């Protein structure tokens, strides 16, 4: 049952990310009023908490050594560094694409406009917030929180054992 619930959560979160990605306007198209993808942040926040607790349930009966937990944590941190670097490069490339489309439409590049539509929570960059890379970063961050909690639990156990031996 816990596997099915975890799998369902992973699928729902993936679908939310892809739905947010689909809300990106086509380069050169007017954006309308506001960014409806902002509304996805609330359910994604809730699913992040749910997912973190589901990792606890999923790995509840599985014993991992401290070495394994540390190695997995380091791998996830490396994944985040690489994923963030990729996201920054992707964003820069997308900004250049938008500038090229703008130049084709109007004959010149208005960098103030390009910067304004590629900052904050603009509908023009939903594909930069909601994509496969950010989905995996989302998942690995929830796993990292679980792993860090395992480190804390392990340290507390050791401290409890050590204080019990001193009496």
C-alpha atoms as a PDB file:
ATOM      1  CA  UNK A   1       0.000   0.000   0.000  1.00  0.00           C
ATOM      2  CA  UNK A   2       2.786   2.425   0.892  1.00  0.00           C
ATOM      3  CA  UNK A   3       4.442   1.760  -2.478  1.00  0.00           C
ATOM      4  CA  UNK A   4       1.213   2.540  -4.331  1.00  0.00           C
ATOM      5  CA  UNK A   5       0.716   5.775  -2.417  1.00  0.00           C
ATOM      6  CA  UNK A   6       4.313   6.831  -3.086  1.00  0.00           C
ATOM      7  CA  UNK A   7       3.995   5.944  -6.766  1.00  0.00           C
ATOM      8  CA  UNK A   8       0.707   7.878  -7.006  1.00  0.00           C
ATOM      9  CA  UNK A   9       2.317  10.922  -5.394  1.00  0.00           C
ATOM     10  CA  UNK A  10       5.269  10.768  -7.790  1.00  0.00           C
ATOM     11  CA  UNK A  11       2.889  10.578 -10.777  1.00  0.00           C
ATOM     12  CA  UNK A  12       0.690  13.436  -9.520  1.00  0.00           C
ATOM     13  CA  UNK A  13       3.704  15.662  -8.865  1.00  0.00           C
ATOM     14  CA  UNK A  14       5.085  14.835 -12.317  1.00  0.00           C
ATOM     15  CA  UNK A  15       1.751  15.744 -13.908  1.00  0.00           C
ATOM     16  CA  UNK A  16       1.660  19.028 -11.982  1.00  0.00           C
ATOM     17  CA  UNK A  17       5.152  19.873 -13.236  1.00  0.00           C
ATOM     18  CA  UNK A  18       4.191  19.074 -16.821  1.00  0.00           C
ATOM     19  CA  UNK A  19       0.958  21.065 -16.484  1.00  0.00           C
ATOM     20  CA  UNK A  20       2.969  24.058 -15.231  1.00  0.00           C
ATOM     21  CA  UNK A  21       5.358  23.621 -18.153  1.00  0.00           C
ATOM     22  CA  UNK A  22       2.466  23.658 -20.607  1.00  0.00           C
ATOM     23  CA  UNK A  23       1.357  27.048 -19.262  1.00  0.00           C
ATOM     24  CA  UNK A  24       4.366  28.781 -20.838  1.00  0.00           C
ATOM     25  CA  UNK A  25       3.459  31.187 -23.602  1.00  0.00           C
ATOM     26  CA  UNK A  26       4.969  30.722 -27.041  1.00  0.00           C
ATOM     27  CA  UNK A  27       7.918  33.120 -27.575  1.00  0.00           C
ATOM     28  CA  UNK A  28       6.604  36.308 -29.141  1.00  0.00           C
ATOM     29  CA  UNK A  29       3.046  35.707 -27.958  1.00  0.00           C
ATOM     30  CA  UNK A  30       1.216  38.031 -25.587  1.00  0.00           C
ATOM     31  CA  UNK A  31       0.979  36.621 -22.102  1.00  0.00           C
ATOM     32  CA  UNK A  32      -2.505  37.741 -21.124  1.00  0.00           C
ATOM     33  CA  UNK A  33      -3.250  38.565 -17.521  1.00  0.00           C
ATOM     34  CA  UNK A  34      -1.168  36.932 -14.842  1.00  0.00           C
ATOM     35  CA  UNK A  35       0.393  33.544 -14.433  1.00  0.00           C
ATOM     36  CA  UNK A  36      -2.000  30.726 -13.507  1.00  0.00           C
ATOM     37  CA  UNK A  37       0.929  28.361 -12.871  1.00  0.00           C
ATOM     38  CA  UNK A  38       1.542  30.236  -9.606  1.00  0.00           C
ATOM     39  CA  UNK A  39      -1.494  28.363  -8.305  1.00  0.00           C
ATOM     40  CA  UNK A  40       0.472  25.120  -8.632  1.00  0.00           C
ATOM     41  CA  UNK A  41       2.913  26.225  -5.931  1.00  0.00           C
ATOM     42  CA  UNK A  42       0.426  25.475  -3.136  1.00  0.00           C
ATOM     43  CA  UNK A  43      -0.345  21.875  -4.111  1.00  0.00           C
ATOM     44  CA  UNK A  44       3.334  21.266  -4.896  1.00  0.00           C
ATOM     45  CA  UNK A  45       4.283  22.532  -1.424  1.00  0.00           C
ATOM     46  CA  UNK A  46       1.752  20.184   0.143  1.00  0.00           C
ATOM     47  CA  UNK A  47       2.915  17.279  -2.010  1.00  0.00           C
ATOM     48  CA  UNK A  48       6.520  18.042  -1.023  1.00  0.00           C
ATOM     49  CA  UNK A  49       5.647  17.542   2.642  1.00  0.00           C
ATOM     50  CA  UNK A  50       3.581  14.431   1.836  1.00  0.00           C
ATOM     51  CA  UNK A  51       6.391  13.014  -0.289  1.00  0.00           C
ATOM     52  CA  UNK A  52       8.952  13.563   2.459  1.00  0.00           C
ATOM     53  CA  UNK A  53       6.758  11.668   4.928  1.00  0.00           C
ATOM     54  CA  UNK A  54       6.209   8.938   2.354  1.00  0.00           C
ATOM     55  CA  UNK A  55       9.974   8.451   2.115  1.00  0.00           C
ATOM     56  CA  UNK A  56       9.922   7.848   5.880  1.00  0.00           C
ATOM     57  CA  UNK A  57       7.242   5.188   5.468  1.00  0.00           C
ATOM     58  CA  UNK A  58       8.867   3.629   2.406  1.00  0.00           C
ATOM     59  CA  UNK A  59      12.295   3.265   4.045  1.00  0.00           C
ATOM     60  CA  UNK A  60      10.958   2.584   7.552  1.00  0.00           C
ATOM     61  CA  UNK A  61      12.032  -1.054   7.692  1.00  0.00           C
ATOM     62  CA  UNK A  62      15.201  -0.640   5.682  1.00  0.00           C
ATOM     63  CA  UNK A  63      18.455  -0.340   7.566  1.00  0.00           C
ATOM     64  CA  UNK A  64      21.160   1.858   6.066  1.00  0.00           C
ATOM     65  CA  UNK A  65      24.608   2.344   7.418  1.00  0.00           C
ATOM     66  CA  UNK A  66      25.828   5.840   8.207  1.00  0.00           C
ATOM     67  CA  UNK A  67      28.290   5.500   5.348  1.00  0.00           C
ATOM     68  CA  UNK A  68      25.460   4.794   2.884  1.00  0.00           C
ATOM     69  CA  UNK A  69      23.419   7.724   4.169  1.00  0.00           C
ATOM     70  CA  UNK A  70      26.404  10.081   3.839  1.00  0.00           C
ATOM     71  CA  UNK A  71      27.253   8.842   0.334  1.00  0.00           C
ATOM     72  CA  UNK A  72      23.640   9.189  -0.815  1.00  0.00           C
ATOM     73  CA  UNK A  73      23.469  12.681   0.694  1.00  0.00           C
ATOM     74  CA  UNK A  74      26.640  13.720  -1.120  1.00  0.00           C
ATOM     75  CA  UNK A  75      25.302  12.299  -4.388  1.00  0.00           C
ATOM     76  CA  UNK A  76      22.077  14.249  -3.990  1.00  0.00           C
ATOM     77  CA  UNK A  77      24.003  17.429  -3.190  1.00  0.00           C
ATOM     78  CA  UNK A  78      26.071  16.861  -6.349  1.00  0.00           C
ATOM     79  CA  UNK A  79      22.844  16.269  -8.277  1.00  0.00           C
ATOM     80  CA  UNK A  80      21.520  19.589  -7.014  1.00  0.00           C
ATOM     81  CA  UNK A  81      24.686  21.442  -7.971  1.00  0.00           C
ATOM     82  CA  UNK A  82      24.635  19.978 -11.474  1.00  0.00           C
ATOM     83  CA  UNK A  83      20.872  20.434 -11.812  1.00  0.00           C
ATOM     84  CA  UNK A  84      21.045  24.079 -10.745  1.00  0.00           C
ATOM     85  CA  UNK A  85      23.923  24.725 -13.126  1.00  0.00           C
ATOM     86  CA  UNK A  86      21.939  23.118 -15.942  1.00  0.00           C
ATOM     87  CA  UNK A  87      18.894  25.206 -15.029  1.00  0.00           C
ATOM     88  CA  UNK A  88      20.933  28.428 -15.113  1.00  0.00           C
ATOM     89  CA  UNK A  89      22.372  27.529 -18.528  1.00  0.00           C
ATOM     90  CA  UNK A  90      18.912  26.587 -19.806  1.00  0.00           C
ATOM     91  CA  UNK A  91      17.516  29.896 -18.567  1.00  0.00           C
ATOM     92  CA  UNK A  92      20.286  31.847 -20.303  1.00  0.00           C
ATOM     93  CA  UNK A  93      19.638  29.975 -23.555  1.00  0.00           C
ATOM     94  CA  UNK A  94      15.912  30.589 -23.292  1.00  0.00           C
ATOM     95  CA  UNK A  95      16.464  34.295 -22.665  1.00  0.00           C
ATOM     96  CA  UNK A  96      18.587  34.465 -25.839  1.00  0.00           C
ATOM     97  CA  UNK A  97      15.866  32.592 -27.756  1.00  0.00           C
ATOM     98  CA  UNK A  98      13.269  35.118 -26.585  1.00  0.00           C
ATOM     99  CA  UNK A  99      15.559  37.976 -27.655  1.00  0.00           C
ATOM    100  CA  UNK A 100      16.005  36.420 -31.117  1.00  0.00           C
ATOM    101  CA  UNK A 101      12.239  35.997 -31.553  1.00  0.00           C
ATOM    102  CA  UNK A 102      11.685  39.579 -30.427  1.00  0.00           C
ATOM    103  CA  UNK A 103      14.303  40.793 -32.904  1.00  0.00           C
ATOM    104  CA  UNK A 104      12.640  38.880 -35.764  1.00  0.00           C
ATOM    105  CA  UNK A 105       9.271  40.392 -34.882  1.00  0.00           C
ATOM    106  CA  UNK A 106      10.314  43.986 -34.269  1.00  0.00           C
ATOM    107  CA  UNK A 107      13.733  44.349 -35.893  1.00  0.00           C
ATOM    108  CA  UNK A 108      15.499  45.210 -32.648  1.00  0.00           C
ATOM    109  CA  UNK A 109      16.016  43.701 -29.206  1.00  0.00           C
ATOM    110  CA  UNK A 110      14.487  45.464 -26.243  1.00  0.00           C
ATOM    111  CA  UNK A 111      16.560  44.013 -23.416  1.00  0.00           C
ATOM    112  CA  UNK A 112      14.493  45.828 -20.794  1.00  0.00           C
ATOM    113  CA  UNK A 113      11.428  43.979 -22.068  1.00  0.00           C
ATOM    114  CA  UNK A 114      13.291  40.642 -22.284  1.00  0.00           C
ATOM    115  CA  UNK A 115      14.563  41.100 -18.732  1.00  0.00           C
ATOM    116  CA  UNK A 116      11.097  42.029 -17.475  1.00  0.00           C
ATOM    117  CA  UNK A 117       9.424  38.929 -18.969  1.00  0.00           C
ATOM    118  CA  UNK A 118      12.200  36.647 -17.724  1.00  0.00           C
ATOM    119  CA  UNK A 119      12.199  37.739 -14.109  1.00  0.00           C
ATOM    120  CA  UNK A 120      10.094  36.718 -11.163  1.00  0.00           C
ATOM    121  CA  UNK A 121       7.174  34.416 -11.750  1.00  0.00           C
ATOM    122  CA  UNK A 122       6.471  35.470 -15.324  1.00  0.00           C
ATOM    123  CA  UNK A 123       4.307  33.219 -17.486  1.00  0.00           C
ATOM    124  CA  UNK A 124       7.027  33.460 -20.145  1.00  0.00           C
ATOM    125  CA  UNK A 125       9.384  31.295 -18.090  1.00  0.00           C
ATOM    126  CA  UNK A 126       7.083  28.636 -16.643  1.00  0.00           C
ATOM    127  CA  UNK A 127       9.024  26.094 -18.697  1.00  0.00           C
ATOM    128  CA  UNK A 128      12.101  27.073 -16.676  1.00  0.00           C
ATOM    129  CA  UNK A 129      10.344  26.405 -13.362  1.00  0.00           C
ATOM    130  CA  UNK A 130       8.359  23.339 -14.379  1.00  0.00           C
ATOM    131  CA  UNK A 131      10.381  20.779 -16.324  1.00  0.00           C
ATOM    132  CA  UNK A 132      11.930  17.322 -15.964  1.00  0.00           C
ATOM    133  CA  UNK A 133      15.068  18.720 -14.335  1.00  0.00           C
ATOM    134  CA  UNK A 134      13.173  20.700 -11.694  1.00  0.00           C
ATOM    135  CA  UNK A 135      10.924  17.672 -11.101  1.00  0.00           C
ATOM    136  CA  UNK A 136      13.972  15.539 -10.265  1.00  0.00           C
ATOM    137  CA  UNK A 137      15.433  18.348  -8.132  1.00  0.00           C
ATOM    138  CA  UNK A 138      12.109  18.447  -6.263  1.00  0.00           C
ATOM    139  CA  UNK A 139      12.225  14.691  -5.640  1.00  0.00           C
ATOM    140  CA  UNK A 140      15.861  14.614  -4.626  1.00  0.00           C
ATOM    141  CA  UNK A 141      15.390  17.501  -2.191  1.00  0.00           C
ATOM    142  CA  UNK A 142      12.631  15.570  -0.437  1.00  0.00           C
ATOM    143  CA  UNK A 143      14.956  12.543  -0.317  1.00  0.00           C
ATOM    144  CA  UNK A 144      17.782  14.699   1.034  1.00  0.00           C
ATOM    145  CA  UNK A 145      15.564  15.909   3.861  1.00  0.00           C
ATOM    146  CA  UNK A 146      14.770  12.290   4.693  1.00  0.00           C
ATOM    147  CA  UNK A 147      18.474  11.364   4.594  1.00  0.00           C
ATOM    148  CA  UNK A 148      19.460  14.295   6.811  1.00  0.00           C
ATOM    149  CA  UNK A 149      16.790  13.286   9.310  1.00  0.00           C
ATOM    150  CA  UNK A 150      18.269   9.781   9.308  1.00  0.00           C
ATOM    151  CA  UNK A 151      21.674  11.266  10.130  1.00  0.00           C
ATOM    152  CA  UNK A 152      20.168  13.230  13.018  1.00  0.00           C
ATOM    153  CA  UNK A 153      18.310  10.172  14.331  1.00  0.00           C
ATOM    154  CA  UNK A 154      21.499   8.111  14.129  1.00  0.00           C
ATOM    155  CA  UNK A 155      23.500  10.777  15.969  1.00  0.00           C
ATOM    156  CA  UNK A 156      20.870  10.994  18.706  1.00  0.00           C
ATOM    157  CA  UNK A 157      20.937   7.225  19.154  1.00  0.00           C
ATOM    158  CA  UNK A 158      24.708   7.250  19.470  1.00  0.00           C
ATOM    159  CA  UNK A 159      24.594  10.129  21.932  1.00  0.00           C
ATOM    160  CA  UNK A 160      21.917   8.290  23.940  1.00  0.00           C
ATOM    161  CA  UNK A 161      23.993   5.100  23.977  1.00  0.00           C
ATOM    162  CA  UNK A 162      27.115   7.004  25.015  1.00  0.00           C
ATOM    163  CA  UNK A 163      25.344   8.846  27.828  1.00  0.00           C
ATOM    164  CA  UNK A 164      23.825   5.535  29.019  1.00  0.00           C
ATOM    165  CA  UNK A 165      27.270   3.932  29.203  1.00  0.00           C
ATOM    166  CA  UNK A 166      28.664   6.682  31.406  1.00  0.00           C
ATOM    167  CA  UNK A 167      26.263   6.110  34.267  1.00  0.00           C
END
